[in-house]
Amino acid sequence: DNHSQVSRASLRIRILDVNDNPPELATPYEAAVCEDAKPGQLIQTISVVDRDEPQSGHRFYFTLAPEATNNHHFSVLDIKG
């Protein structure tokens, strides 16, 4: 609640898809980080869906954009599911 200790960061998601329906976020997401969060702590899990066939055959990969790879404040972890 202390506005002097609040900061914001934007996340841009670039979708690289060439079929009829692009992948979409499974739900709208908004994340908050508490001041006592530990380094390496999971902050947000993001899921996507693709309305193209086959229903259970799609595999998505998430990576940081090349310009963000040297930013040690964010990381992406694949939880295999």
C-alpha atoms as a PDB file:
ATOM      1  CA  ASP A   1       0.000   0.000   0.000  1.00  0.00           C
ATOM      2  CA  ASN A   2       3.036   2.287   0.070  1.00  0.00           C
ATOM      3  CA  HIS A   3       3.140   3.982  -3.346  1.00  0.00           C
ATOM      4  CA  SER A   4       6.828   4.857  -2.946  1.00  0.00           C
ATOM      5  CA  GLN A   5       7.585   1.110  -2.989  1.00  0.00           C
ATOM      6  CA  VAL A   6       5.486   0.214  -6.035  1.00  0.00           C
ATOM      7  CA  SER A   7       6.895  -0.463  -9.478  1.00  0.00           C
ATOM      8  CA  ARG A   8       5.389  -1.885 -12.628  1.00  0.00           C
ATOM      9  CA  ALA A   9       6.743  -3.902 -15.538  1.00  0.00           C
ATOM     10  CA  SER A  10       5.030  -4.665 -18.822  1.00  0.00           C
ATOM     11  CA  LEU A  11       5.143  -8.075 -20.439  1.00  0.00           C
ATOM     12  CA  ARG A  12       4.818  -8.222 -24.213  1.00  0.00           C
ATOM     13  CA  ILE A  13       3.857 -11.573 -25.708  1.00  0.00           C
ATOM     14  CA  ARG A  14       4.782 -12.137 -29.347  1.00  0.00           C
ATOM     15  CA  ILE A  15       2.835 -14.981 -30.972  1.00  0.00           C
ATOM     16  CA  LEU A  16       4.625 -16.840 -33.752  1.00  0.00           C
ATOM     17  CA  ASP A  17       1.937 -19.012 -35.321  1.00  0.00           C
ATOM     18  CA  VAL A  18       0.985 -19.760 -38.921  1.00  0.00           C
ATOM     19  CA  ASN A  19      -2.305 -21.658 -38.694  1.00  0.00           C
ATOM     20  CA  ASP A  20      -5.963 -20.545 -38.665  1.00  0.00           C
ATOM     21  CA  ASN A  21      -6.291 -19.673 -34.995  1.00  0.00           C
ATOM     22  CA  PRO A  22      -3.410 -18.125 -33.062  1.00  0.00           C
ATOM     23  CA  PRO A  23      -2.714 -19.337 -29.528  1.00  0.00           C
ATOM     24  CA  GLU A  24      -4.512 -17.289 -26.868  1.00  0.00           C
ATOM     25  CA  LEU A  25      -3.966 -16.830 -23.173  1.00  0.00           C
ATOM     26  CA  ALA A  26      -6.141 -19.354 -21.332  1.00  0.00           C
ATOM     27  CA  THR A  27      -7.400 -16.586 -19.037  1.00  0.00           C
ATOM     28  CA  PRO A  28      -6.582 -12.901 -18.471  1.00  0.00           C
ATOM     29  CA  TYR A  29      -3.555 -12.623 -16.185  1.00  0.00           C
ATOM     30  CA  GLU A  30      -2.414  -9.988 -13.721  1.00  0.00           C
ATOM     31  CA  ALA A  31       0.435 -10.690 -11.331  1.00  0.00           C
ATOM     32  CA  ALA A  32       1.577  -8.988  -8.137  1.00  0.00           C
ATOM     33  CA  VAL A  33       4.836  -9.491  -6.268  1.00  0.00           C
ATOM     34  CA  CYS A  34       4.913  -9.016  -2.508  1.00  0.00           C
ATOM     35  CA  GLU A  35       7.836  -7.215  -0.914  1.00  0.00           C
ATOM     36  CA  ASP A  36       8.883 -10.385   0.943  1.00  0.00           C
ATOM     37  CA  ALA A  37       9.110 -12.515  -2.235  1.00  0.00           C
ATOM     38  CA  LYS A  38      12.232 -14.670  -2.315  1.00  0.00           C
ATOM     39  CA  PRO A  39      14.705 -14.713  -5.236  1.00  0.00           C
ATOM     40  CA  GLY A  40      13.664 -17.424  -7.681  1.00  0.00           C
ATOM     41  CA  GLN A  41      10.131 -17.607  -6.275  1.00  0.00           C
ATOM     42  CA  LEU A  42       7.386 -18.502  -8.793  1.00  0.00           C
ATOM     43  CA  ILE A  43       5.287 -15.398  -9.375  1.00  0.00           C
ATOM     44  CA  GLN A  44       2.928 -16.316 -12.227  1.00  0.00           C
ATOM     45  CA  THR A  45       2.048 -19.381 -14.302  1.00  0.00           C
ATOM     46  CA  ILE A  46       0.820 -18.621 -17.821  1.00  0.00           C
ATOM     47  CA  SER A  47      -1.126 -21.085 -19.978  1.00  0.00           C
ATOM     48  CA  VAL A  48      -2.273 -20.791 -23.581  1.00  0.00           C
ATOM     49  CA  VAL A  49      -4.824 -22.613 -25.714  1.00  0.00           C
ATOM     50  CA  ASP A  50      -5.005 -23.125 -29.479  1.00  0.00           C
ATOM     51  CA  ARG A  51      -8.411 -23.672 -31.053  1.00  0.00           C
ATOM     52  CA  ASP A  52      -6.907 -25.561 -34.017  1.00  0.00           C
ATOM     53  CA  GLU A  53      -6.947 -29.352 -34.276  1.00  0.00           C
ATOM     54  CA  PRO A  54      -5.809 -31.676 -32.769  1.00  0.00           C
ATOM     55  CA  GLN A  55      -7.283 -30.834 -29.386  1.00  0.00           C
ATOM     56  CA  SER A  56      -4.568 -32.485 -27.304  1.00  0.00           C
ATOM     57  CA  GLY A  57      -1.665 -32.447 -29.744  1.00  0.00           C
ATOM     58  CA  HIS A  58      -0.306 -28.920 -29.406  1.00  0.00           C
ATOM     59  CA  ARG A  59       2.899 -28.147 -27.548  1.00  0.00           C
ATOM     60  CA  PHE A  60       3.747 -24.550 -26.704  1.00  0.00           C
ATOM     61  CA  TYR A  61       7.157 -23.095 -25.995  1.00  0.00           C
ATOM     62  CA  PHE A  62       7.726 -19.853 -24.151  1.00  0.00           C
ATOM     63  CA  THR A  63      10.993 -17.911 -24.418  1.00  0.00           C
ATOM     64  CA  LEU A  64      12.139 -14.457 -23.457  1.00  0.00           C
ATOM     65  CA  ALA A  65      12.538 -12.072 -26.372  1.00  0.00           C
ATOM     66  CA  PRO A  66      16.178 -11.696 -27.500  1.00  0.00           C
ATOM     67  CA  GLU A  67      16.353  -8.155 -26.132  1.00  0.00           C
ATOM     68  CA  ALA A  68      15.308  -9.440 -22.682  1.00  0.00           C
ATOM     69  CA  THR A  69      17.719 -12.375 -22.372  1.00  0.00           C
ATOM     70  CA  ASN A  70      20.254 -10.299 -20.428  1.00  0.00           C
ATOM     71  CA  ASN A  71      17.612  -9.004 -18.015  1.00  0.00           C
ATOM     72  CA  HIS A  72      18.114 -10.982 -14.801  1.00  0.00           C
ATOM     73  CA  HIS A  73      14.815  -9.760 -13.335  1.00  0.00           C
ATOM     74  CA  PHE A  74      12.718 -12.160 -15.419  1.00  0.00           C
ATOM     75  CA  SER A  75      13.030 -15.811 -16.335  1.00  0.00           C
ATOM     76  CA  VAL A  76      10.855 -18.421 -18.032  1.00  0.00           C
ATOM     77  CA  LEU A  77      10.552 -21.968 -16.681  1.00  0.00           C
ATOM     78  CA  ASP A  78       8.792 -24.771 -18.578  1.00  0.00           C
ATOM     79  CA  ILE A  79       6.799 -26.877 -16.115  1.00  0.00           C
ATOM     80  CA  LYS A  80       6.094 -29.530 -18.796  1.00  0.00           C
ATOM     81  CA  GLY A  81       2.374 -29.286 -18.796  1.00  0.00           C
END
